[in-house]
């Protein structure tokens, strides 16, 4: 039995949810998100809560039950509070700068990388070595952060690269003479 699926999702003030034709639409102060619902579960909105119930107790239905509930919870949190991912640039000459279209990254290559920001995502650079990615869709925020990190992932010998703020890089010892 799913431990996640049995808890209802509480709706904060100003968030509305409509479920129709196998699709859930969540609207809030930060935007609007849509998600398609599988036919294995039933989603109802009652008393400022979203309740997800499986049709049967088969294994696939119970897996979908927890997944749908977690996705709806992320959508509700996203349109009310939003999600933020922070990146840190470590290395001599590594810096980031916001431009009109996105971010200009200097990561030790012979050229700068111009990263265009997708719609619904905001990127800020509080300092030259920090990047804050924010938005209402958790998947999109994580995908943009992962894409920027993939340009120069942190390496274990000197620790240089782009890393998440909460990430720790396991350092390795270099060559011995």
N, C-alpha and C. Protein backbone atom coordinates (compact mmCIF):
# COMPACT_ATOMS: atom_id res chain seq x y z
N UNK A 1 0.84 -1.18 0.00
CA UNK A 1 0.00 0.00 0.00
C UNK A 1 0.88 1.24 0.00
N UNK A 2 0.52 2.25 -0.77
CA UNK A 2 1.32 3.46 -0.87
C UNK A 2 1.22 4.26 0.41
N UNK A 3 2.36 4.70 0.90
CA UNK A 3 2.37 5.55 2.09
C UNK A 3 2.20 7.00 1.72
N UNK A 4 2.63 7.36 0.51
CA UNK A 4 2.52 8.74 0.06
C UNK A 4 1.11 9.04 -0.42
N UNK A 5 0.52 8.09 -1.15
CA UNK A 5 -0.77 8.33 -1.78
C UNK A 5 -1.92 8.50 -0.83
N UNK A 6 -1.84 7.94 0.37
CA UNK A 6 -3.00 7.99 1.27
C UNK A 6 -3.19 9.35 1.93
N UNK A 7 -2.19 10.23 1.89
CA UNK A 7 -2.33 11.55 2.50
C UNK A 7 -2.90 12.54 1.49
N UNK A 8 -3.92 13.32 1.85
CA UNK A 8 -4.46 14.30 0.92
C UNK A 8 -3.50 15.49 0.75
N UNK A 9 -3.61 16.17 -0.38
CA UNK A 9 -2.81 17.36 -0.65
C UNK A 9 -3.62 18.57 -0.22
N UNK A 10 -3.10 19.34 0.72
CA UNK A 10 -3.81 20.53 1.21
C UNK A 10 -3.58 21.68 0.24
N UNK A 11 -4.66 22.40 -0.07
CA UNK A 11 -4.57 23.53 -0.98
C UNK A 11 -4.40 24.82 -0.18
N UNK A 12 -3.32 25.58 -0.42
CA UNK A 12 -3.15 26.85 0.26
C UNK A 12 -4.11 27.90 -0.29
N UNK A 13 -4.18 29.02 0.40
CA UNK A 13 -5.05 30.12 -0.02
C UNK A 13 -4.65 30.62 -1.40
N UNK A 14 -5.61 30.78 -2.29
CA UNK A 14 -5.35 31.32 -3.63
C UNK A 14 -5.02 30.29 -4.69
N UNK A 15 -5.03 29.01 -4.36
CA UNK A 15 -4.74 27.97 -5.33
C UNK A 15 -6.04 27.23 -5.66
N UNK A 16 -6.31 27.10 -6.96
CA UNK A 16 -7.51 26.39 -7.40
C UNK A 16 -7.10 25.20 -8.27
N UNK A 17 -7.86 24.13 -8.15
CA UNK A 17 -7.59 22.91 -8.91
C UNK A 17 -8.87 22.49 -9.62
N UNK A 18 -8.75 22.16 -10.91
CA UNK A 18 -9.89 21.62 -11.64
C UNK A 18 -9.45 20.33 -12.32
N UNK A 19 -10.29 19.31 -12.19
CA UNK A 19 -10.00 18.00 -12.77
C UNK A 19 -11.10 17.68 -13.77
N UNK A 20 -10.72 17.47 -15.03
CA UNK A 20 -11.70 17.14 -16.06
C UNK A 20 -10.99 16.44 -17.22
N UNK A 21 -11.66 15.47 -17.81
CA UNK A 21 -11.18 14.75 -19.00
C UNK A 21 -9.78 14.18 -18.82
N UNK A 22 -9.49 13.62 -17.66
CA UNK A 22 -8.19 13.00 -17.43
C UNK A 22 -7.04 13.98 -17.33
N UNK A 23 -7.33 15.22 -16.94
CA UNK A 23 -6.29 16.24 -16.83
C UNK A 23 -6.55 17.09 -15.59
N UNK A 24 -5.50 17.42 -14.88
CA UNK A 24 -5.59 18.29 -13.71
C UNK A 24 -4.94 19.62 -14.04
N UNK A 25 -5.63 20.72 -13.71
CA UNK A 25 -5.12 22.06 -13.95
C UNK A 25 -5.04 22.76 -12.60
N UNK A 26 -3.84 23.21 -12.23
CA UNK A 26 -3.61 23.88 -10.96
C UNK A 26 -3.23 25.33 -11.26
N UNK A 27 -3.98 26.28 -10.67
CA UNK A 27 -3.73 27.70 -10.89
C UNK A 27 -3.40 28.36 -9.56
N UNK A 28 -2.42 29.25 -9.58
CA UNK A 28 -2.02 29.98 -8.39
C UNK A 28 -1.41 31.31 -8.76
N UNK A 29 -0.82 31.98 -7.77
CA UNK A 29 -0.29 33.32 -8.02
C UNK A 29 0.96 33.31 -8.90
N UNK A 30 1.68 32.19 -8.97
CA UNK A 30 2.90 32.13 -9.78
C UNK A 30 2.69 31.56 -11.17
N UNK A 31 1.48 31.06 -11.46
CA UNK A 31 1.25 30.53 -12.79
C UNK A 31 0.21 29.43 -12.81
N UNK A 32 0.22 28.69 -13.91
CA UNK A 32 -0.74 27.60 -14.12
C UNK A 32 0.02 26.39 -14.64
N UNK A 33 -0.28 25.21 -14.06
CA UNK A 33 0.36 23.97 -14.47
C UNK A 33 -0.70 22.94 -14.82
N UNK A 34 -0.40 22.12 -15.82
CA UNK A 34 -1.31 21.05 -16.25
C UNK A 34 -0.59 19.73 -16.18
N UNK A 35 -1.35 18.68 -15.90
CA UNK A 35 -0.77 17.34 -15.94
C UNK A 35 -1.86 16.35 -16.31
N UNK A 36 -1.49 15.36 -17.12
CA UNK A 36 -2.46 14.34 -17.49
C UNK A 36 -2.49 13.28 -16.40
N UNK A 37 -3.67 12.76 -16.13
CA UNK A 37 -3.86 11.77 -15.07
C UNK A 37 -4.06 10.39 -15.68
N UNK A 38 -3.43 9.36 -15.12
CA UNK A 38 -3.64 8.00 -15.63
C UNK A 38 -5.04 7.51 -15.27
N UNK A 39 -5.50 6.53 -15.99
CA UNK A 39 -6.84 6.01 -15.75
C UNK A 39 -6.89 5.07 -14.54
N UNK A 40 -5.74 4.78 -13.93
CA UNK A 40 -5.69 3.87 -12.79
C UNK A 40 -6.15 4.50 -11.48
N UNK A 41 -6.21 5.83 -11.42
CA UNK A 41 -6.55 6.51 -10.17
C UNK A 41 -7.67 7.52 -10.40
N UNK A 42 -8.35 7.87 -9.31
CA UNK A 42 -9.39 8.89 -9.34
C UNK A 42 -8.93 10.06 -8.48
N UNK A 43 -9.06 11.26 -9.01
CA UNK A 43 -8.66 12.47 -8.29
C UNK A 43 -9.91 13.30 -8.04
N UNK A 44 -10.13 13.66 -6.76
CA UNK A 44 -11.27 14.50 -6.40
C UNK A 44 -10.78 15.66 -5.54
N UNK A 45 -11.49 16.79 -5.66
CA UNK A 45 -11.18 17.97 -4.85
C UNK A 45 -12.34 18.19 -3.89
N UNK A 46 -12.04 18.16 -2.58
CA UNK A 46 -13.08 18.34 -1.59
C UNK A 46 -12.49 18.99 -0.34
N UNK A 47 -13.18 19.99 0.19
CA UNK A 47 -12.79 20.69 1.43
C UNK A 47 -11.36 21.22 1.37
N UNK A 48 -10.99 21.91 0.30
CA UNK A 48 -9.64 22.46 0.12
C UNK A 48 -8.57 21.39 0.22
N UNK A 49 -8.85 20.20 -0.29
CA UNK A 49 -7.88 19.12 -0.33
C UNK A 49 -8.05 18.34 -1.63
N UNK A 50 -6.94 17.80 -2.11
CA UNK A 50 -6.98 16.91 -3.26
C UNK A 50 -6.81 15.49 -2.73
N UNK A 51 -7.77 14.63 -3.06
CA UNK A 51 -7.73 13.24 -2.61
C UNK A 51 -7.54 12.35 -3.83
N UNK A 52 -6.53 11.48 -3.77
CA UNK A 52 -6.23 10.54 -4.85
C UNK A 52 -6.53 9.14 -4.34
N UNK A 53 -7.32 8.39 -5.11
CA UNK A 53 -7.65 7.01 -4.73
C UNK A 53 -7.43 6.08 -5.93
N UNK A 54 -6.88 4.89 -5.68
CA UNK A 54 -6.69 3.95 -6.79
C UNK A 54 -8.00 3.21 -7.07
N UNK A 55 -8.14 2.73 -8.30
CA UNK A 55 -9.34 1.97 -8.66
C UNK A 55 -9.32 0.58 -8.03
N UNK A 56 -8.18 -0.09 -8.11
CA UNK A 56 -8.03 -1.42 -7.50
C UNK A 56 -6.74 -1.44 -6.69
N UNK A 57 -6.48 -2.53 -6.01
CA UNK A 57 -5.28 -2.65 -5.20
C UNK A 57 -4.17 -3.41 -5.92
N UNK A 58 -4.18 -3.39 -7.24
CA UNK A 58 -3.10 -4.05 -7.98
C UNK A 58 -1.81 -3.24 -7.83
N UNK A 59 -0.70 -3.87 -8.13
CA UNK A 59 0.60 -3.24 -7.93
C UNK A 59 0.77 -1.98 -8.78
N UNK A 60 0.37 -2.03 -10.04
CA UNK A 60 0.52 -0.86 -10.91
C UNK A 60 -0.37 0.29 -10.46
N UNK A 61 -1.58 -0.02 -10.02
CA UNK A 61 -2.48 1.04 -9.54
C UNK A 61 -1.92 1.71 -8.29
N UNK A 62 -1.34 0.93 -7.39
CA UNK A 62 -0.78 1.51 -6.17
C UNK A 62 0.44 2.36 -6.47
N UNK A 63 1.25 1.95 -7.47
CA UNK A 63 2.41 2.76 -7.86
C UNK A 63 1.95 4.09 -8.45
N UNK A 64 0.94 4.04 -9.30
CA UNK A 64 0.41 5.27 -9.90
C UNK A 64 -0.21 6.18 -8.84
N UNK A 65 -0.80 5.59 -7.83
CA UNK A 65 -1.45 6.33 -6.76
C UNK A 65 -0.46 7.28 -6.08
N UNK A 66 0.68 6.76 -5.65
CA UNK A 66 1.69 7.58 -4.99
C UNK A 66 2.32 8.59 -5.93
N UNK A 67 2.56 8.18 -7.18
CA UNK A 67 3.19 9.07 -8.15
C UNK A 67 2.30 10.26 -8.48
N UNK A 68 1.02 10.00 -8.71
CA UNK A 68 0.08 11.08 -9.05
C UNK A 68 -0.07 12.05 -7.88
N UNK A 69 -0.14 11.50 -6.67
CA UNK A 69 -0.26 12.36 -5.49
C UNK A 69 0.98 13.25 -5.34
N UNK A 70 2.18 12.68 -5.53
CA UNK A 70 3.42 13.46 -5.42
C UNK A 70 3.50 14.53 -6.51
N UNK A 71 3.09 14.20 -7.73
CA UNK A 71 3.10 15.19 -8.81
C UNK A 71 2.13 16.33 -8.53
N UNK A 72 0.94 16.01 -8.04
CA UNK A 72 -0.04 17.06 -7.71
C UNK A 72 0.48 17.94 -6.57
N UNK A 73 1.13 17.33 -5.59
CA UNK A 73 1.69 18.10 -4.48
C UNK A 73 2.76 19.06 -4.98
N UNK A 74 3.62 18.61 -5.90
CA UNK A 74 4.65 19.47 -6.48
C UNK A 74 4.03 20.60 -7.29
N UNK A 75 2.94 20.32 -7.98
CA UNK A 75 2.27 21.37 -8.75
C UNK A 75 1.67 22.42 -7.83
N UNK A 76 1.04 22.00 -6.75
CA UNK A 76 0.43 22.94 -5.80
C UNK A 76 1.52 23.79 -5.14
N UNK A 77 2.61 23.16 -4.74
CA UNK A 77 3.71 23.91 -4.12
C UNK A 77 4.33 24.88 -5.13
N UNK A 78 4.44 24.44 -6.37
CA UNK A 78 5.05 25.27 -7.40
C UNK A 78 4.27 26.53 -7.70
N UNK A 79 2.94 26.44 -7.81
CA UNK A 79 2.16 27.63 -8.15
C UNK A 79 1.94 28.53 -6.94
N UNK A 80 2.18 28.04 -5.72
CA UNK A 80 2.00 28.89 -4.54
C UNK A 80 3.33 29.46 -4.05
N UNK A 81 4.39 28.64 -3.97
CA UNK A 81 5.68 29.10 -3.46
C UNK A 81 6.76 29.16 -4.53
N UNK A 82 6.77 28.22 -5.45
CA UNK A 82 7.80 28.13 -6.47
C UNK A 82 8.96 27.27 -6.01
N UNK A 83 9.84 26.95 -6.94
CA UNK A 83 11.01 26.13 -6.66
C UNK A 83 12.26 26.90 -7.04
N UNK A 84 13.33 26.71 -6.27
CA UNK A 84 14.60 27.40 -6.52
C UNK A 84 15.72 26.37 -6.47
N UNK A 85 16.62 26.44 -7.44
CA UNK A 85 17.81 25.61 -7.46
C UNK A 85 19.00 26.55 -7.56
N UNK A 86 20.01 26.36 -6.73
CA UNK A 86 21.19 27.24 -6.72
C UNK A 86 22.41 26.47 -7.18
N UNK A 87 23.17 27.11 -8.07
CA UNK A 87 24.41 26.54 -8.58
C UNK A 87 25.58 27.42 -8.16
N UNK A 88 26.74 26.79 -8.04
CA UNK A 88 27.94 27.50 -7.64
C UNK A 88 29.04 27.18 -8.64
N UNK A 89 29.77 28.20 -9.11
CA UNK A 89 30.86 28.03 -10.05
C UNK A 89 32.18 28.10 -9.28
N UNK A 90 32.99 27.04 -9.39
CA UNK A 90 34.25 27.00 -8.67
C UNK A 90 35.37 26.82 -9.69
N UNK A 91 36.30 27.76 -9.68
CA UNK A 91 37.44 27.69 -10.60
C UNK A 91 37.90 29.09 -10.95
N UNK A 92 39.17 29.21 -11.29
CA UNK A 92 39.73 30.51 -11.64
C UNK A 92 39.15 30.96 -12.97
N UNK A 93 38.52 32.12 -13.00
CA UNK A 93 37.95 32.66 -14.23
C UNK A 93 36.56 32.13 -14.56
N UNK A 94 36.01 31.26 -13.74
CA UNK A 94 34.66 30.76 -13.99
C UNK A 94 33.68 31.80 -13.48
N UNK A 95 32.80 32.27 -14.37
CA UNK A 95 31.82 33.28 -13.94
C UNK A 95 30.56 33.21 -14.79
N UNK A 96 29.50 33.74 -14.24
CA UNK A 96 28.20 33.78 -14.93
C UNK A 96 27.69 35.21 -14.91
N UNK A 97 26.95 35.54 -15.96
CA UNK A 97 26.42 36.89 -16.08
C UNK A 97 25.08 36.81 -16.81
N UNK A 98 24.06 37.47 -16.25
CA UNK A 98 22.75 37.45 -16.92
C UNK A 98 22.76 38.40 -18.11
N UNK A 99 22.07 37.98 -19.16
CA UNK A 99 21.90 38.81 -20.35
C UNK A 99 20.41 38.96 -20.60
N UNK A 100 20.05 39.63 -21.68
CA UNK A 100 18.63 39.84 -21.98
C UNK A 100 17.92 38.54 -22.32
N UNK A 101 18.63 37.57 -22.95
CA UNK A 101 18.00 36.31 -23.33
C UNK A 101 18.23 35.19 -22.33
N UNK A 102 19.27 35.29 -21.53
CA UNK A 102 19.58 34.18 -20.64
C UNK A 102 20.81 34.44 -19.80
N UNK A 103 21.76 33.51 -19.88
CA UNK A 103 22.97 33.58 -19.07
C UNK A 103 24.19 33.37 -19.95
N UNK A 104 25.23 34.15 -19.70
CA UNK A 104 26.50 33.99 -20.39
C UNK A 104 27.46 33.35 -19.40
N UNK A 105 27.97 32.16 -19.75
CA UNK A 105 28.83 31.39 -18.86
C UNK A 105 30.25 31.36 -19.38
N UNK A 106 31.20 31.70 -18.52
CA UNK A 106 32.62 31.56 -18.84
C UNK A 106 33.15 30.43 -17.98
N UNK A 107 33.40 29.27 -18.61
CA UNK A 107 33.75 28.07 -17.86
C UNK A 107 35.10 27.48 -18.27
N UNK A 108 36.02 28.32 -18.71
CA UNK A 108 37.35 27.85 -19.03
C UNK A 108 37.52 27.32 -20.44
N UNK A 109 36.49 27.40 -21.25
CA UNK A 109 36.62 27.00 -22.65
C UNK A 109 37.18 28.17 -23.46
N UNK A 110 37.48 27.95 -24.73
CA UNK A 110 37.99 29.02 -25.58
C UNK A 110 36.90 30.02 -25.95
N UNK A 111 35.65 29.68 -25.65
CA UNK A 111 34.52 30.54 -25.98
C UNK A 111 33.56 30.59 -24.79
N UNK A 112 32.73 31.62 -24.75
CA UNK A 112 31.69 31.71 -23.72
C UNK A 112 30.47 30.92 -24.18
N UNK A 113 29.71 30.42 -23.22
CA UNK A 113 28.50 29.67 -23.52
C UNK A 113 27.31 30.58 -23.25
N UNK A 114 26.48 30.78 -24.27
CA UNK A 114 25.25 31.57 -24.12
C UNK A 114 24.10 30.59 -23.94
N UNK A 115 23.52 30.59 -22.74
CA UNK A 115 22.42 29.68 -22.43
C UNK A 115 21.12 30.46 -22.47
N UNK A 116 20.21 30.07 -23.38
CA UNK A 116 18.90 30.72 -23.49
C UNK A 116 17.95 30.11 -22.47
N UNK A 117 17.27 30.96 -21.73
CA UNK A 117 16.37 30.50 -20.67
C UNK A 117 15.02 30.14 -21.27
N UNK A 118 14.48 28.94 -20.96
CA UNK A 118 13.16 28.58 -21.46
C UNK A 118 12.06 29.41 -20.79
N UNK A 119 10.91 29.40 -21.41
CA UNK A 119 9.79 30.16 -20.89
C UNK A 119 9.33 29.58 -19.55
N UNK A 120 9.00 30.45 -18.60
CA UNK A 120 8.54 30.02 -17.29
C UNK A 120 9.65 29.87 -16.27
N UNK A 121 10.90 30.07 -16.67
CA UNK A 121 12.05 29.95 -15.78
C UNK A 121 12.71 31.31 -15.65
N UNK A 122 13.12 31.65 -14.43
CA UNK A 122 13.85 32.90 -14.18
C UNK A 122 15.23 32.53 -13.66
N UNK A 123 16.25 33.23 -14.18
CA UNK A 123 17.62 33.00 -13.74
C UNK A 123 18.19 34.31 -13.23
N UNK A 124 18.80 34.25 -12.05
CA UNK A 124 19.45 35.42 -11.46
C UNK A 124 20.87 35.05 -11.06
N UNK A 125 21.75 36.02 -11.12
CA UNK A 125 23.14 35.83 -10.70
C UNK A 125 23.45 36.83 -9.59
N UNK A 126 23.27 36.45 -8.31
CA UNK A 126 23.56 37.38 -7.21
C UNK A 126 25.03 37.79 -7.17
N UNK A 127 25.93 36.90 -7.56
CA UNK A 127 27.34 37.23 -7.71
C UNK A 127 27.84 36.52 -8.97
N UNK A 128 29.10 36.74 -9.31
CA UNK A 128 29.63 36.16 -10.54
C UNK A 128 29.78 34.65 -10.46
N UNK A 129 29.81 34.11 -9.26
CA UNK A 129 30.02 32.67 -9.12
C UNK A 129 28.78 31.95 -8.60
N UNK A 130 27.64 32.59 -8.61
CA UNK A 130 26.39 31.97 -8.15
C UNK A 130 25.31 32.14 -9.20
N UNK A 131 24.47 31.12 -9.35
CA UNK A 131 23.33 31.16 -10.26
C UNK A 131 22.12 30.65 -9.49
N UNK A 132 21.01 31.40 -9.54
CA UNK A 132 19.74 30.98 -8.93
C UNK A 132 18.73 30.76 -10.03
N UNK A 133 18.19 29.55 -10.10
CA UNK A 133 17.19 29.20 -11.11
C UNK A 133 15.88 29.00 -10.38
N UNK A 134 14.84 29.72 -10.81
CA UNK A 134 13.55 29.62 -10.12
C UNK A 134 12.43 29.50 -11.14
N UNK A 135 11.32 28.90 -10.68
CA UNK A 135 10.15 28.72 -11.53
C UNK A 135 9.09 27.95 -10.78
N UNK A 136 7.94 27.75 -11.42
CA UNK A 136 6.86 27.05 -10.73
C UNK A 136 6.81 25.56 -11.05
N UNK A 137 7.48 25.12 -12.11
CA UNK A 137 7.49 23.70 -12.46
C UNK A 137 8.79 23.07 -11.98
N UNK A 138 8.70 22.14 -11.05
CA UNK A 138 9.88 21.52 -10.45
C UNK A 138 10.73 20.79 -11.49
N UNK A 139 10.09 20.14 -12.44
CA UNK A 139 10.81 19.40 -13.47
C UNK A 139 11.64 20.34 -14.35
N UNK A 140 11.04 21.45 -14.76
CA UNK A 140 11.75 22.39 -15.63
C UNK A 140 12.92 23.05 -14.90
N UNK A 141 12.72 23.43 -13.64
CA UNK A 141 13.80 24.05 -12.86
C UNK A 141 14.96 23.07 -12.73
N UNK A 142 14.67 21.83 -12.41
CA UNK A 142 15.72 20.82 -12.29
C UNK A 142 16.40 20.52 -13.61
N UNK A 143 15.65 20.52 -14.70
CA UNK A 143 16.23 20.25 -16.02
C UNK A 143 17.18 21.37 -16.44
N UNK A 144 16.81 22.62 -16.19
CA UNK A 144 17.67 23.74 -16.55
C UNK A 144 18.94 23.72 -15.70
N UNK A 145 18.80 23.45 -14.40
CA UNK A 145 19.96 23.37 -13.52
C UNK A 145 20.89 22.24 -13.96
N UNK A 146 20.32 21.11 -14.32
CA UNK A 146 21.12 19.97 -14.77
C UNK A 146 21.83 20.29 -16.09
N UNK A 147 21.17 20.99 -16.98
CA UNK A 147 21.77 21.35 -18.27
C UNK A 147 22.96 22.28 -18.07
N UNK A 148 22.81 23.29 -17.21
CA UNK A 148 23.91 24.22 -16.95
C UNK A 148 25.07 23.48 -16.27
N UNK A 149 24.75 22.60 -15.33
CA UNK A 149 25.79 21.83 -14.63
C UNK A 149 26.53 20.90 -15.60
N UNK A 150 25.84 20.40 -16.64
CA UNK A 150 26.46 19.45 -17.56
C UNK A 150 27.54 20.09 -18.43
N UNK A 151 27.57 21.42 -18.54
CA UNK A 151 28.60 22.06 -19.34
C UNK A 151 29.98 21.85 -18.72
N UNK A 152 30.06 21.85 -17.39
CA UNK A 152 31.34 21.63 -16.71
C UNK A 152 31.06 21.03 -15.34
N UNK A 153 30.80 19.72 -15.25
CA UNK A 153 30.53 19.11 -13.95
C UNK A 153 31.77 19.19 -13.06
N UNK A 154 31.61 19.17 -11.75
CA UNK A 154 32.78 19.28 -10.86
C UNK A 154 33.68 18.05 -10.99
N UNK A 155 34.98 18.31 -11.04
CA UNK A 155 35.91 17.21 -11.17
C UNK A 155 36.54 16.93 -9.80
N UNK A 156 36.91 15.68 -9.54
CA UNK A 156 37.30 15.28 -8.18
C UNK A 156 38.71 15.68 -7.75
N UNK A 157 39.58 16.09 -8.66
CA UNK A 157 40.97 16.35 -8.28
C UNK A 157 41.18 17.76 -7.76
N UNK A 158 40.65 18.76 -8.44
CA UNK A 158 40.78 20.14 -7.97
C UNK A 158 39.46 20.72 -7.49
N UNK A 159 38.35 20.06 -7.80
CA UNK A 159 37.04 20.54 -7.38
C UNK A 159 36.47 21.61 -8.28
N UNK A 160 37.09 21.86 -9.42
CA UNK A 160 36.62 22.90 -10.32
C UNK A 160 35.38 22.44 -11.08
N UNK A 161 34.50 23.38 -11.38
CA UNK A 161 33.32 23.07 -12.17
C UNK A 161 32.08 23.76 -11.65
N UNK A 162 30.92 23.35 -12.18
CA UNK A 162 29.63 23.88 -11.77
C UNK A 162 28.97 22.82 -10.89
N UNK A 163 28.61 23.20 -9.68
CA UNK A 163 27.99 22.25 -8.77
C UNK A 163 26.79 22.88 -8.10
N UNK A 164 25.90 22.01 -7.61
CA UNK A 164 24.79 22.49 -6.80
C UNK A 164 25.34 22.97 -5.47
N UNK A 165 24.69 23.94 -4.84
CA UNK A 165 25.19 24.50 -3.59
C UNK A 165 25.23 23.42 -2.50
N UNK A 166 24.21 22.57 -2.45
CA UNK A 166 24.16 21.55 -1.40
C UNK A 166 25.00 20.31 -1.73
N UNK A 167 25.58 20.24 -2.91
CA UNK A 167 26.35 19.08 -3.35
C UNK A 167 27.75 19.12 -2.73
N UNK A 168 28.26 17.96 -2.35
CA UNK A 168 29.64 17.87 -1.90
C UNK A 168 30.41 17.04 -2.92
N UNK A 169 31.59 17.51 -3.25
CA UNK A 169 32.41 16.83 -4.25
C UNK A 169 33.45 16.01 -3.50
N UNK A 170 33.46 14.71 -3.75
CA UNK A 170 34.47 13.84 -3.12
C UNK A 170 35.80 14.07 -3.81
N UNK A 171 36.75 14.53 -3.04
CA UNK A 171 38.05 14.85 -3.59
C UNK A 171 38.94 13.61 -3.62
N UNK A 172 39.73 13.50 -4.68
CA UNK A 172 40.66 12.39 -4.84
C UNK A 172 42.09 12.93 -4.70
N UNK A 173 42.97 12.07 -4.30
CA UNK A 173 44.37 12.43 -4.20
C UNK A 173 44.98 12.32 -5.59
N UNK A 174 45.86 13.25 -5.92
CA UNK A 174 46.50 13.24 -7.23
C UNK A 174 47.61 12.22 -7.33
N UNK A 175 48.42 12.34 -8.38
CA UNK A 175 49.53 11.42 -8.60
C UNK A 175 50.56 11.56 -7.48
N UNK A 176 51.20 10.47 -7.17
CA UNK A 176 52.30 10.49 -6.20
C UNK A 176 53.60 10.26 -6.93
N UNK A 177 54.66 10.86 -6.40
CA UNK A 177 55.98 10.69 -7.03
C UNK A 177 56.69 9.51 -6.47
